Amino acid sequence: RDNAKKTMYLEMNSLQPEDTAVYYCAAAARGGTWLSAQYTYWGQ
């Protein structure tokens, strides 16, 4: 992430067919785990 630019990134290498998906970014005010319910805001 680059907080000055308010941007998060995901660098993906050695991609395989099982990586095919819609990828979403999400924000959590505190903490943040692997559970989607912990996240407040979502992208499209």
PDB file of all heavy atoms in Angstrom:
ATOM      1  N   ARG A   1       0.833  -1.193   0.000  1.00  0.00           N
ATOM      2  CA  ARG A   1       0.000   0.000   0.000  1.00  0.00           C
ATOM      3  C   ARG A   1       0.868   1.243   0.000  1.00  0.00           C
ATOM      4  O   ARG A   1       2.014   1.233   0.464  1.00  0.00           O
ATOM      5  CB  ARG A   1      -0.949   0.009   1.208  1.00  0.00           C
ATOM      6  CG  ARG A   1      -0.244   0.162   2.549  1.00  0.00           C
ATOM      7  CD  ARG A   1      -1.209  -0.095   3.703  1.00  0.00           C
ATOM      8  NE  ARG A   1      -2.279   0.887   3.746  1.00  0.00           N
ATOM      9  CZ  ARG A   1      -3.430   0.726   4.407  1.00  0.00           C
ATOM     10  NH1 ARG A   1      -3.647  -0.407   5.080  1.00  0.00           N
ATOM     11  NH2 ARG A   1      -4.348   1.677   4.391  1.00  0.00           N
ATOM     12  N   ASP A   2       0.308   2.320  -0.510  1.00  0.00           N
ATOM     13  CA  ASP A   2       0.936   3.627  -0.511  1.00  0.00           C
ATOM     14  C   ASP A   2      -0.084   4.586   0.083  1.00  0.00           C
ATOM     15  O   ASP A   2      -1.014   5.013  -0.596  1.00  0.00           O
ATOM     16  CB  ASP A   2       1.331   4.045  -1.923  1.00  0.00           C
ATOM     17  CG  ASP A   2       2.106   5.345  -1.961  1.00  0.00           C
ATOM     18  OD1 ASP A   2       1.975   6.162  -1.025  1.00  0.00           O
ATOM     19  OD2 ASP A   2       2.853   5.560  -2.932  1.00  0.00           O
ATOM     20  N   ASN A   3       0.077   4.898   1.362  1.00  0.00           N
ATOM     21  CA  ASN A   3      -0.915   5.727   2.043  1.00  0.00           C
ATOM     22  C   ASN A   3      -0.963   7.152   1.495  1.00  0.00           C
ATOM     23  O   ASN A   3      -2.012   7.792   1.528  1.00  0.00           O
ATOM     24  CB  ASN A   3      -0.657   5.741   3.547  1.00  0.00           C
ATOM     25  CG  ASN A   3      -1.120   4.460   4.217  1.00  0.00           C
ATOM     26  OD1 ASN A   3      -1.819   3.648   3.609  1.00  0.00           O
ATOM     27  ND2 ASN A   3      -0.736   4.271   5.469  1.00  0.00           N
ATOM     28  N   ALA A   4       0.162   7.651   1.011  1.00  0.00           N
ATOM     29  CA  ALA A   4       0.176   8.985   0.430  1.00  0.00           C
ATOM     30  C   ALA A   4      -0.696   9.053  -0.817  1.00  0.00           C
ATOM     31  O   ALA A   4      -1.310  10.078  -1.101  1.00  0.00           O
ATOM     32  CB  ALA A   4       1.599   9.411   0.107  1.00  0.00           C
ATOM     33  N   LYS A   5      -0.741   7.948  -1.566  1.00  0.00           N
ATOM     34  CA  LYS A   5      -1.558   7.883  -2.774  1.00  0.00           C
ATOM     35  C   LYS A   5      -2.930   7.280  -2.526  1.00  0.00           C
ATOM     36  O   LYS A   5      -3.738   7.193  -3.458  1.00  0.00           O
ATOM     37  CB  LYS A   5      -0.836   7.072  -3.853  1.00  0.00           C
ATOM     38  CG  LYS A   5       0.443   7.705  -4.345  1.00  0.00           C
ATOM     39  CD  LYS A   5       1.074   6.857  -5.439  1.00  0.00           C
ATOM     40  CE  LYS A   5       2.333   7.515  -5.976  1.00  0.00           C
ATOM     41  NZ  LYS A   5       2.964   6.694  -7.044  1.00  0.00           N
ATOM     42  N   LYS A   6      -3.188   6.841  -1.286  1.00  0.00           N
ATOM     43  CA  LYS A   6      -4.451   6.196  -0.926  1.00  0.00           C
ATOM     44  C   LYS A   6      -4.749   5.033  -1.867  1.00  0.00           C
ATOM     45  O   LYS A   6      -5.869   4.878  -2.365  1.00  0.00           O
ATOM     46  CB  LYS A   6      -5.598   7.208  -0.925  1.00  0.00           C
ATOM     47  CG  LYS A   6      -5.428   8.319   0.086  1.00  0.00           C
ATOM     48  CD  LYS A   6      -6.612   9.274   0.067  1.00  0.00           C
ATOM     49  CE  LYS A   6      -6.438  10.383   1.084  1.00  0.00           C
ATOM     50  NZ  LYS A   6      -7.584  11.332   1.067  1.00  0.00           N
ATOM     51  N   THR A   7      -3.738   4.224  -2.082  1.00  0.00           N
ATOM     52  CA  THR A   7      -3.848   3.121  -3.024  1.00  0.00           C
ATOM     53  C   THR A   7      -3.239   1.859  -2.440  1.00  0.00           C
ATOM     54  O   THR A   7      -2.190   1.904  -1.795  1.00  0.00           O
ATOM     55  CB  THR A   7      -3.152   3.460  -4.350  1.00  0.00           C
ATOM     56  OG1 THR A   7      -3.723   4.658  -4.891  1.00  0.00           O
ATOM     57  CG2 THR A   7      -3.333   2.339  -5.362  1.00  0.00           C
ATOM     58  N   MET A   8      -3.900   0.735  -2.672  1.00  0.00           N
ATOM     59  CA  MET A   8      -3.395  -0.571  -2.307  1.00  0.00           C
ATOM     60  C   MET A   8      -3.129  -1.361  -3.582  1.00  0.00           C
ATOM     61  O   MET A   8      -3.808  -1.165  -4.589  1.00  0.00           O
ATOM     62  CB  MET A   8      -4.412  -1.316  -1.431  1.00  0.00           C
ATOM     63  CG  MET A   8      -4.000  -2.734  -1.075  1.00  0.00           C
ATOM     64  SD  MET A   8      -5.238  -3.607  -0.049  1.00  0.00           S
ATOM     65  CE  MET A   8      -6.640  -3.675  -1.153  1.00  0.00           C
ATOM     66  N   TYR A   9      -2.159  -2.277  -3.521  1.00  0.00           N
ATOM     67  CA  TYR A   9      -1.765  -3.041  -4.690  1.00  0.00           C
ATOM     68  C   TYR A   9      -1.731  -4.529  -4.389  1.00  0.00           C
ATOM     69  O   TYR A   9      -1.566  -4.949  -3.241  1.00  0.00           O
ATOM     70  CB  TYR A   9      -0.371  -2.625  -5.172  1.00  0.00           C
ATOM     71  CG  TYR A   9      -0.233  -1.149  -5.422  1.00  0.00           C
ATOM     72  CD1 TYR A   9       0.267  -0.297  -4.439  1.00  0.00           C
ATOM     73  CD2 TYR A   9      -0.608  -0.598  -6.644  1.00  0.00           C
ATOM     74  CE1 TYR A   9       0.394   1.062  -4.664  1.00  0.00           C
ATOM     75  CE2 TYR A   9      -0.486   0.755  -6.876  1.00  0.00           C
ATOM     76  CZ  TYR A   9       0.014   1.583  -5.890  1.00  0.00           C
ATOM     77  OH  TYR A   9       0.137   2.934  -6.120  1.00  0.00           O
ATOM     78  N   LEU A  10      -1.870  -5.319  -5.430  1.00  0.00           N
ATOM     79  CA  LEU A  10      -1.652  -6.751  -5.351  1.00  0.00           C
ATOM     80  C   LEU A  10      -0.819  -7.150  -6.554  1.00  0.00           C
ATOM     81  O   LEU A  10      -1.311  -7.150  -7.683  1.00  0.00           O
ATOM     82  CB  LEU A  10      -2.968  -7.528  -5.324  1.00  0.00           C
ATOM     83  CG  LEU A  10      -2.827  -9.036  -5.123  1.00  0.00           C
ATOM     84  CD1 LEU A  10      -2.307  -9.345  -3.721  1.00  0.00           C
ATOM     85  CD2 LEU A  10      -4.162  -9.743  -5.354  1.00  0.00           C
ATOM     86  N   GLU A  11       0.452  -7.479  -6.311  1.00  0.00           N
ATOM     87  CA  GLU A  11       1.338  -7.957  -7.357  1.00  0.00           C
ATOM     88  C   GLU A  11       1.172  -9.467  -7.462  1.00  0.00           C
ATOM     89  O   GLU A  11       1.362 -10.183  -6.475  1.00  0.00           O
ATOM     90  CB  GLU A  11       2.784  -7.597  -7.032  1.00  0.00           C
ATOM     91  CG  GLU A  11       3.767  -7.903  -8.142  1.00  0.00           C
ATOM     92  CD  GLU A  11       3.648  -6.943  -9.300  1.00  0.00           C
ATOM     93  OE1 GLU A  11       3.403  -5.740  -9.055  1.00  0.00           O
ATOM     94  OE2 GLU A  11       3.811  -7.377 -10.458  1.00  0.00           O
ATOM     95  N   MET A  12       0.811  -9.935  -8.631  1.00  0.00           N
ATOM     96  CA  MET A  12       0.525 -11.349  -8.834  1.00  0.00           C
ATOM     97  C   MET A  12       1.516 -11.927  -9.834  1.00  0.00           C
ATOM     98  O   MET A  12       1.621 -11.445 -10.959  1.00  0.00           O
ATOM     99  CB  MET A  12      -0.904 -11.547  -9.327  1.00  0.00           C
ATOM    100  CG  MET A  12      -1.947 -10.960  -8.390  1.00  0.00           C
ATOM    101  SD  MET A  12      -3.648 -11.386  -8.864  1.00  0.00           S
ATOM    102  CE  MET A  12      -3.777 -10.484 -10.403  1.00  0.00           C
ATOM    103  N   ASN A  13       2.228 -12.952  -9.417  1.00  0.00           N
ATOM    104  CA  ASN A  13       3.207 -13.629 -10.255  1.00  0.00           C
ATOM    105  C   ASN A  13       2.891 -15.112 -10.350  1.00  0.00           C
ATOM    106  O   ASN A  13       2.153 -15.655  -9.524  1.00  0.00           O
ATOM    107  CB  ASN A  13       4.616 -13.443  -9.685  1.00  0.00           C
ATOM    108  CG  ASN A  13       5.036 -12.001  -9.627  1.00  0.00           C
ATOM    109  OD1 ASN A  13       4.983 -11.289 -10.626  1.00  0.00           O
ATOM    110  ND2 ASN A  13       5.472 -11.551  -8.455  1.00  0.00           N
ATOM    111  N   SER A  14       3.467 -15.770 -11.349  1.00  0.00           N
ATOM    112  CA  SER A  14       3.270 -17.211 -11.554  1.00  0.00           C
ATOM    113  C   SER A  14       1.793 -17.577 -11.523  1.00  0.00           C
ATOM    114  O   SER A  14       1.387 -18.553 -10.885  1.00  0.00           O
ATOM    115  CB  SER A  14       4.044 -18.006 -10.502  1.00  0.00           C
ATOM    116  OG  SER A  14       5.426 -17.706 -10.558  1.00  0.00           O
ATOM    117  N   LEU A  15       0.997 -16.807 -12.216  1.00  0.00           N
ATOM    118  CA  LEU A  15      -0.449 -17.013 -12.185  1.00  0.00           C
ATOM    119  C   LEU A  15      -0.837 -18.337 -12.828  1.00  0.00           C
ATOM    120  O   LEU A  15      -0.234 -18.765 -13.811  1.00  0.00           O
ATOM    121  CB  LEU A  15      -1.153 -15.860 -12.893  1.00  0.00           C
ATOM    122  CG  LEU A  15      -1.184 -14.560 -12.084  1.00  0.00           C
ATOM    123  CD1 LEU A  15      -1.569 -13.392 -12.978  1.00  0.00           C
ATOM    124  CD2 LEU A  15      -2.162 -14.688 -10.924  1.00  0.00           C
ATOM    125  N   GLN A  16      -1.844 -18.967 -12.260  1.00  0.00           N
ATOM    126  CA  GLN A  16      -2.359 -20.237 -12.723  1.00  0.00           C
ATOM    127  C   GLN A  16      -3.856 -20.121 -12.961  1.00  0.00           C
ATOM    128  O   GLN A  16      -4.501 -19.205 -12.445  1.00  0.00           O
ATOM    129  CB  GLN A  16      -2.070 -21.339 -11.705  1.00  0.00           C
ATOM    130  CG  GLN A  16      -0.593 -21.566 -11.437  1.00  0.00           C
ATOM    131  CD  GLN A  16       0.165 -21.986 -12.679  1.00  0.00           C
ATOM    132  OE1 GLN A  16      -0.290 -22.851 -13.444  1.00  0.00           O
ATOM    133  NE2 GLN A  16       1.321 -21.383 -12.902  1.00  0.00           N
ATOM    134  N   PRO A  17      -4.439 -21.036 -13.742  1.00  0.00           N
ATOM    135  CA  PRO A  17      -5.879 -20.957 -14.011  1.00  0.00           C
ATOM    136  C   PRO A  17      -6.736 -20.893 -12.751  1.00  0.00           C
ATOM    137  O   PRO A  17      -7.795 -20.251 -12.779  1.00  0.00           O
ATOM    138  CB  PRO A  17      -6.148 -22.232 -14.813  1.00  0.00           C
ATOM    139  CG  PRO A  17      -4.863 -22.478 -15.536  1.00  0.00           C
ATOM    140  CD  PRO A  17      -3.795 -22.092 -14.551  1.00  0.00           C
ATOM    141  N   GLU A  18      -6.318 -21.518 -11.660  1.00  0.00           N
ATOM    142  CA  GLU A  18      -7.101 -21.470 -10.433  1.00  0.00           C
ATOM    143  C   GLU A  18      -7.128 -20.090  -9.792  1.00  0.00           C
ATOM    144  O   GLU A  18      -7.897 -19.849  -8.855  1.00  0.00           O
ATOM    145  CB  GLU A  18      -6.601 -22.504  -9.410  1.00  0.00           C
ATOM    146  CG  GLU A  18      -5.143 -22.342  -9.023  1.00  0.00           C
ATOM    147  CD  GLU A  18      -4.216 -23.250  -9.793  1.00  0.00           C
ATOM    148  OE1 GLU A  18      -4.495 -23.541 -10.981  1.00  0.00           O
ATOM    149  OE2 GLU A  18      -3.204 -23.686  -9.214  1.00  0.00           O
ATOM    150  N   ASP A  19      -6.305 -19.171 -10.275  1.00  0.00           N
ATOM    151  CA  ASP A  19      -6.340 -17.794  -9.805  1.00  0.00           C
ATOM    152  C   ASP A  19      -7.420 -16.974 -10.506  1.00  0.00           C
ATOM    153  O   ASP A  19      -7.652 -15.820 -10.132  1.00  0.00           O
ATOM    154  CB  ASP A  19      -4.989 -17.119 -10.020  1.00  0.00           C
ATOM    155  CG  ASP A  19      -3.874 -17.750  -9.203  1.00  0.00           C
ATOM    156  OD1 ASP A  19      -4.084 -17.996  -8.001  1.00  0.00           O
ATOM    157  OD2 ASP A  19      -2.781 -17.990  -9.767  1.00  0.00           O
ATOM    158  N   THR A  20      -8.062 -17.538 -11.503  1.00  0.00           N
ATOM    159  CA  THR A  20      -9.129 -16.846 -12.214  1.00  0.00           C
ATOM    160  C   THR A  20     -10.265 -16.518 -11.255  1.00  0.00           C
ATOM    161  O   THR A  20     -10.811 -17.400 -10.591  1.00  0.00           O
ATOM    162  CB  THR A  20      -9.650 -17.697 -13.369  1.00  0.00           C
ATOM    163  OG1 THR A  20      -8.621 -17.850 -14.349  1.00  0.00           O
ATOM    164  CG2 THR A  20     -10.863 -17.049 -14.024  1.00  0.00           C
ATOM    165  N   ALA A  21     -10.625 -15.239 -11.169  1.00  0.00           N
ATOM    166  CA  ALA A  21     -11.655 -14.798 -10.229  1.00  0.00           C
ATOM    167  C   ALA A  21     -11.896 -13.310 -10.418  1.00  0.00           C
ATOM    168  O   ALA A  21     -11.114 -12.615 -11.071  1.00  0.00           O
ATOM    169  CB  ALA A  21     -11.227 -15.065  -8.785  1.00  0.00           C
ATOM    170  N   VAL A  22     -12.974 -12.826  -9.817  1.00  0.00           N
ATOM    171  CA  VAL A  22     -13.149 -11.399  -9.623  1.00  0.00           C
ATOM    172  C   VAL A  22     -12.444 -11.036  -8.327  1.00  0.00           C
ATOM    173  O   VAL A  22     -12.712 -11.637  -7.280  1.00  0.00           O
ATOM    174  CB  VAL A  22     -14.631 -11.000  -9.559  1.00  0.00           C
ATOM    175  CG1 VAL A  22     -14.772  -9.509  -9.274  1.00  0.00           C
ATOM    176  CG2 VAL A  22     -15.332 -11.354 -10.865  1.00  0.00           C
ATOM    177  N   TYR A  23     -11.550 -10.074  -8.384  1.00  0.00           N
ATOM    178  CA  TYR A  23     -10.775  -9.659  -7.221  1.00  0.00           C
ATOM    179  C   TYR A  23     -11.348  -8.377  -6.644  1.00  0.00           C
ATOM    180  O   TYR A  23     -11.563  -7.399  -7.370  1.00  0.00           O
ATOM    181  CB  TYR A  23      -9.308  -9.453  -7.606  1.00  0.00           C
ATOM    182  CG  TYR A  23      -8.564 -10.753  -7.761  1.00  0.00           C
ATOM    183  CD1 TYR A  23      -8.811 -11.586  -8.845  1.00  0.00           C
ATOM    184  CD2 TYR A  23      -7.620 -11.158  -6.820  1.00  0.00           C
ATOM    185  CE1 TYR A  23      -8.150 -12.793  -8.982  1.00  0.00           C
ATOM    186  CE2 TYR A  23      -6.948 -12.361  -6.959  1.00  0.00           C
ATOM    187  CZ  TYR A  23      -7.219 -13.175  -8.040  1.00  0.00           C
ATOM    188  OH  TYR A  23      -6.549 -14.377  -8.173  1.00  0.00           O
ATOM    189  N   TYR A  24     -11.592  -8.386  -5.335  1.00  0.00           N
ATOM    190  CA  TYR A  24     -12.173  -7.255  -4.627  1.00  0.00           C
ATOM    191  C   TYR A  24     -11.203  -6.709  -3.592  1.00  0.00           C
ATOM    192  O   TYR A  24     -10.528  -7.476  -2.908  1.00  0.00           O
ATOM    193  CB  TYR A  24     -13.437  -7.680  -3.880  1.00  0.00           C
ATOM    194  CG  TYR A  24     -14.557  -8.189  -4.749  1.00  0.00           C
ATOM    195  CD1 TYR A  24     -14.652  -9.540  -5.062  1.00  0.00           C
ATOM    196  CD2 TYR A  24     -15.526  -7.324  -5.240  1.00  0.00           C
ATOM    197  CE1 TYR A  24     -15.685 -10.018  -5.850  1.00  0.00           C
ATOM    198  CE2 TYR A  24     -16.562  -7.794  -6.019  1.00  0.00           C
ATOM    199  CZ  TYR A  24     -16.640  -9.140  -6.327  1.00  0.00           C
ATOM    200  OH  TYR A  24     -17.673  -9.607  -7.097  1.00  0.00           O
ATOM    201  N   CYS A  25     -11.153  -5.393  -3.445  1.00  0.00           N
ATOM    202  CA  CYS A  25     -10.447  -4.818  -2.318  1.00  0.00           C
ATOM    203  C   CYS A  25     -11.449  -4.438  -1.241  1.00  0.00           C
ATOM    204  O   CYS A  25     -12.623  -4.168  -1.515  1.00  0.00           O
ATOM    205  CB  CYS A  25      -9.587  -3.619  -2.727  1.00  0.00           C
ATOM    206  SG  CYS A  25     -10.469  -2.139  -3.220  1.00  0.00           S
ATOM    207  N   ALA A  26     -10.983  -4.436   0.018  1.00  0.00           N
ATOM    208  CA  ALA A  26     -11.844  -4.168   1.153  1.00  0.00           C
ATOM    209  C   ALA A  26     -11.063  -3.449   2.239  1.00  0.00           C
ATOM    210  O   ALA A  26      -9.841  -3.582   2.328  1.00  0.00           O
ATOM    211  CB  ALA A  26     -12.425  -5.478   1.701  1.00  0.00           C
ATOM    212  N   ALA A  27     -11.781  -2.685   3.081  1.00  0.00           N
ATOM    213  CA  ALA A  27     -11.177  -1.898   4.148  1.00  0.00           C
ATOM    214  C   ALA A  27     -11.818  -2.233   5.481  1.00  0.00           C
ATOM    215  O   ALA A  27     -13.043  -2.351   5.568  1.00  0.00           O
ATOM    216  CB  ALA A  27     -11.325  -0.410   3.856  1.00  0.00           C
ATOM    217  N   ALA A  28     -10.996  -2.359   6.533  1.00  0.00           N
ATOM    218  CA  ALA A  28     -11.456  -2.619   7.896  1.00  0.00           C
ATOM    219  C   ALA A  28     -10.935  -1.535   8.816  1.00  0.00           C
ATOM    220  O   ALA A  28      -9.736  -1.244   8.815  1.00  0.00           O
ATOM    221  CB  ALA A  28     -10.986  -3.982   8.375  1.00  0.00           C
ATOM    222  N   ALA A  29     -11.828  -0.946   9.622  1.00  0.00           N
ATOM    223  CA  ALA A  29     -11.440   0.148  10.512  1.00  0.00           C
ATOM    224  C   ALA A  29     -10.433  -0.293  11.566  1.00  0.00           C
ATOM    225  O   ALA A  29      -9.546   0.458  11.941  1.00  0.00           O
ATOM    226  CB  ALA A  29     -12.670   0.744  11.179  1.00  0.00           C
ATOM    227  N   ARG A  30     -10.576  -1.519  12.054  1.00  0.00           N
ATOM    228  CA  ARG A  30      -9.672  -2.080  13.049  1.00  0.00           C
ATOM    229  C   ARG A  30      -9.442  -3.542  12.745  1.00  0.00           C
ATOM    230  O   ARG A  30     -10.342  -4.226  12.261  1.00  0.00           O
ATOM    231  CB  ARG A  30     -10.242  -1.930  14.463  1.00  0.00           C
ATOM    232  CG  ARG A  30     -10.299  -0.504  14.952  1.00  0.00           C
ATOM    233  CD  ARG A  30     -10.813  -0.439  16.374  1.00  0.00           C
ATOM    234  NE  ARG A  30     -12.204  -0.867  16.467  1.00  0.00           N
ATOM    235  CZ  ARG A  30     -12.905  -0.876  17.597  1.00  0.00           C
ATOM    236  NH1 ARG A  30     -12.338  -0.471  18.725  1.00  0.00           N
ATOM    237  NH2 ARG A  30     -14.165  -1.285  17.580  1.00  0.00           N
ATOM    238  N   GLY A  31      -8.251  -3.998  13.048  1.00  0.00           N
ATOM    239  CA  GLY A  31      -7.922  -5.395  12.869  1.00  0.00           C
ATOM    240  C   GLY A  31      -7.967  -5.795  11.414  1.00  0.00           C
ATOM    241  O   GLY A  31      -7.221  -5.264  10.583  1.00  0.00           O
ATOM    242  N   GLY A  32      -8.849  -6.719  11.112  1.00  0.00           N
ATOM    243  CA  GLY A  32      -8.957  -7.230   9.764  1.00  0.00           C
ATOM    244  C   GLY A  32      -8.400  -8.640   9.685  1.00  0.00           C
ATOM    245  O   GLY A  32      -7.192  -8.840   9.829  1.00  0.00           O
ATOM    246  N   THR A  33      -9.280  -9.587   9.432  1.00  0.00           N
ATOM    247  CA  THR A  33      -8.902 -10.996   9.354  1.00  0.00           C
ATOM    248  C   THR A  33      -9.243 -11.527   7.970  1.00  0.00           C
ATOM    249  O   THR A  33      -9.428 -10.761   7.026  1.00  0.00           O
ATOM    250  CB  THR A  33      -9.637 -11.822  10.413  1.00  0.00           C
ATOM    251  OG1 THR A  33     -11.031 -11.878  10.098  1.00  0.00           O
ATOM    252  CG2 THR A  33      -9.467 -11.189  11.798  1.00  0.00           C
ATOM    253  N   TRP A  34      -9.321 -12.852   7.871  1.00  0.00           N
ATOM    254  CA  TRP A  34      -9.706 -13.498   6.634  1.00  0.00           C
ATOM    255  C   TRP A  34     -11.217 -13.533   6.438  1.00  0.00           C
ATOM    256  O   TRP A  34     -11.688 -13.990   5.393  1.00  0.00           O
ATOM    257  CB  TRP A  34      -9.155 -14.924   6.593  1.00  0.00           C
ATOM    258  CG  TRP A  34      -9.722 -15.803   7.669  1.00  0.00           C
ATOM    259  CD1 TRP A  34     -10.826 -16.600   7.577  1.00  0.00           C
ATOM    260  CD2 TRP A  34      -9.223 -15.952   8.993  1.00  0.00           C
ATOM    261  NE1 TRP A  34     -11.048 -17.243   8.758  1.00  0.00           N
ATOM    262  CE2 TRP A  34     -10.077 -16.866   9.655  1.00  0.00           C
ATOM    263  CE3 TRP A  34      -8.143 -15.410   9.689  1.00  0.00           C
ATOM    264  CZ2 TRP A  34      -9.879 -17.234  10.983  1.00  0.00           C
ATOM    265  CZ3 TRP A  34      -7.936 -15.781  11.015  1.00  0.00           C
ATOM    266  CH2 TRP A  34      -8.799 -16.685  11.644  1.00  0.00           C
ATOM    267  N   LEU A  35     -11.984 -13.050   7.417  1.00  0.00           N
ATOM    268  CA  LEU A  35     -13.435 -13.074   7.351  1.00  0.00           C
ATOM    269  C   LEU A  35     -13.960 -11.807   6.690  1.00  0.00           C
ATOM    270  O   LEU A  35     -13.650 -10.699   7.122  1.00  0.00           O
ATOM    271  CB  LEU A  35     -14.034 -13.213   8.742  1.00  0.00           C
ATOM    272  CG  LEU A  35     -13.656 -14.486   9.498  1.00  0.00           C
ATOM    273  CD1 LEU A  35     -14.219 -14.444  10.906  1.00  0.00           C
ATOM    274  CD2 LEU A  35     -14.161 -15.712   8.757  1.00  0.00           C
ATOM    275  N   SER A  36     -14.767 -11.966   5.673  1.00  0.00           N
ATOM    276  CA  SER A  36     -15.289 -10.818   4.946  1.00  0.00           C
ATOM    277  C   SER A  36     -16.145  -9.911   5.824  1.00  0.00           C
ATOM    278  O   SER A  36     -16.224  -8.705   5.577  1.00  0.00           O
ATOM    279  CB  SER A  36     -16.088 -11.281   3.728  1.00  0.00           C
ATOM    280  OG  SER A  36     -17.200 -12.070   4.102  1.00  0.00           O
ATOM    281  N   ALA A  37     -16.767 -10.456   6.874  1.00  0.00           N
ATOM    282  CA  ALA A  37     -17.621  -9.674   7.758  1.00  0.00           C
ATOM    283  C   ALA A  37     -16.851  -8.621   8.541  1.00  0.00           C
ATOM    284  O   ALA A  37     -17.453  -7.694   9.082  1.00  0.00           O
ATOM    285  CB  ALA A  37     -18.369 -10.591   8.717  1.00  0.00           C
ATOM    286  N   GLN A  38     -15.541  -8.740   8.616  1.00  0.00           N
ATOM    287  CA  GLN A  38     -14.727  -7.782   9.347  1.00  0.00           C
ATOM    288  C   GLN A  38     -14.497  -6.491   8.563  1.00  0.00           C
ATOM    289  O   GLN A  38     -13.985  -5.523   9.129  1.00  0.00           O
ATOM    290  CB  GLN A  38     -13.371  -8.391   9.695  1.00  0.00           C
ATOM    291  CG  GLN A  38     -13.453  -9.651  10.549  1.00  0.00           C
ATOM    292  CD  GLN A  38     -14.038  -9.382  11.916  1.00  0.00           C
ATOM    293  OE1 GLN A  38     -13.766  -8.355  12.528  1.00  0.00           O
ATOM    294  NE2 GLN A  38     -14.850 -10.300  12.398  1.00  0.00           N
ATOM    295  N   TYR A  39     -14.880  -6.466   7.309  1.00  0.00           N
ATOM    296  CA  TYR A  39     -14.541  -5.345   6.436  1.00  0.00           C
ATOM    297  C   TYR A  39     -15.742  -4.440   6.195  1.00  0.00           C
ATOM    298  O   TYR A  39     -16.855  -4.904   5.935  1.00  0.00           O
ATOM    299  CB  TYR A  39     -13.942  -5.857   5.131  1.00  0.00           C
ATOM    300  CG  TYR A  39     -12.613  -6.505   5.396  1.00  0.00           C
ATOM    301  CD1 TYR A  39     -12.526  -7.829   5.784  1.00  0.00           C
ATOM    302  CD2 TYR A  39     -11.435  -5.758   5.326  1.00  0.00           C
ATOM    303  CE1 TYR A  39     -11.308  -8.404   6.099  1.00  0.00           C
ATOM    304  CE2 TYR A  39     -10.214  -6.326   5.637  1.00  0.00           C
ATOM    305  CZ  TYR A  39     -10.151  -7.646   6.024  1.00  0.00           C
ATOM    306  OH  TYR A  39      -8.940  -8.210   6.341  1.00  0.00           O
ATOM    307  N   THR A  40     -15.484  -3.154   6.286  1.00  0.00           N
ATOM    308  CA  THR A  40     -16.528  -2.137   6.230  1.00  0.00           C
ATOM    309  C   THR A  40     -16.860  -1.702   4.812  1.00  0.00           C
ATOM    310  O   THR A  40     -18.033  -1.537   4.460  1.00  0.00           O
ATOM    311  CB  THR A  40     -16.101  -0.905   7.041  1.00  0.00           C
ATOM    312  OG1 THR A  40     -15.777  -1.299   8.379  1.00  0.00           O
ATOM    313  CG2 THR A  40     -17.224   0.126   7.091  1.00  0.00           C
ATOM    314  N   TYR A  41     -15.844  -1.500   3.998  1.00  0.00           N
ATOM    315  CA  TYR A  41     -16.018  -0.982   2.649  1.00  0.00           C
ATOM    316  C   TYR A  41     -15.479  -1.963   1.631  1.00  0.00           C
ATOM    317  O   TYR A  41     -14.470  -2.636   1.869  1.00  0.00           O
ATOM    318  CB  TYR A  41     -15.301   0.366   2.488  1.00  0.00           C
ATOM    319  CG  TYR A  41     -15.727   1.409   3.484  1.00  0.00           C
ATOM    320  CD1 TYR A  41     -14.790   2.050   4.283  1.00  0.00           C
ATOM    321  CD2 TYR A  41     -17.062   1.765   3.624  1.00  0.00           C
ATOM    322  CE1 TYR A  41     -15.170   3.015   5.196  1.00  0.00           C
ATOM    323  CE2 TYR A  41     -17.452   2.723   4.540  1.00  0.00           C
ATOM    324  CZ  TYR A  41     -16.513   3.350   5.320  1.00  0.00           C
ATOM    325  OH  TYR A  41     -16.888   4.312   6.233  1.00  0.00           O
ATOM    326  N   TRP A  42     -16.144  -2.004   0.480  1.00  0.00           N
ATOM    327  CA  TRP A  42     -15.780  -2.926  -0.591  1.00  0.00           C
ATOM    328  C   TRP A  42     -15.772  -2.224  -1.935  1.00  0.00           C
ATOM    329  O   TRP A  42     -16.577  -1.329  -2.181  1.00  0.00           O
ATOM    330  CB  TRP A  42     -16.774  -4.086  -0.660  1.00  0.00           C
ATOM    331  CG  TRP A  42     -16.711  -4.984   0.525  1.00  0.00           C
ATOM    332  CD1 TRP A  42     -17.331  -4.813   1.729  1.00  0.00           C
ATOM    333  CD2 TRP A  42     -15.982  -6.205   0.618  1.00  0.00           C
ATOM    334  NE1 TRP A  42     -17.027  -5.857   2.572  1.00  0.00           N
ATOM    335  CE2 TRP A  42     -16.207  -6.724   1.914  1.00  0.00           C
ATOM    336  CE3 TRP A  42     -15.164  -6.917  -0.268  1.00  0.00           C
ATOM    337  CZ2 TRP A  42     -15.630  -7.922   2.336  1.00  0.00           C
ATOM    338  CZ3 TRP A  42     -14.602  -8.103   0.156  1.00  0.00           C
ATOM    339  CH2 TRP A  42     -14.837  -8.596   1.445  1.00  0.00           C
ATOM    340  N   GLY A  43     -14.870  -2.657  -2.798  1.00  0.00           N
ATOM    341  CA  GLY A  43     -14.862  -2.189  -4.165  1.00  0.00           C
ATOM    342  C   GLY A  43     -15.788  -3.015  -5.035  1.00  0.00           C
ATOM    343  O   GLY A  43     -16.432  -3.967  -4.577  1.00  0.00           O
ATOM    344  N   GLN A  44     -15.850  -2.656  -6.307  1.00  0.00           N
ATOM    345  CA  GLN A  44     -16.759  -3.318  -7.243  1.00  0.00           C
ATOM    346  C   GLN A  44     -16.164  -4.568  -7.876  1.00  0.00           C
ATOM    347  O   GLN A  44     -16.886  -5.354  -8.482  1.00  0.00           O
ATOM    348  CB  GLN A  44     -17.184  -2.334  -8.334  1.00  0.00           C
ATOM    349  CG  GLN A  44     -16.184  -2.155  -9.479  1.00  0.00           C
ATOM    350  CD  GLN A  44     -14.905  -1.445  -9.073  1.00  0.00           C
ATOM    351  OE1 GLN A  44     -14.865  -0.717  -8.083  1.00  0.00           O
ATOM    352  NE2 GLN A  44     -13.845  -1.656  -9.852  1.00  0.00           N
TER     353      GLN A  44
END
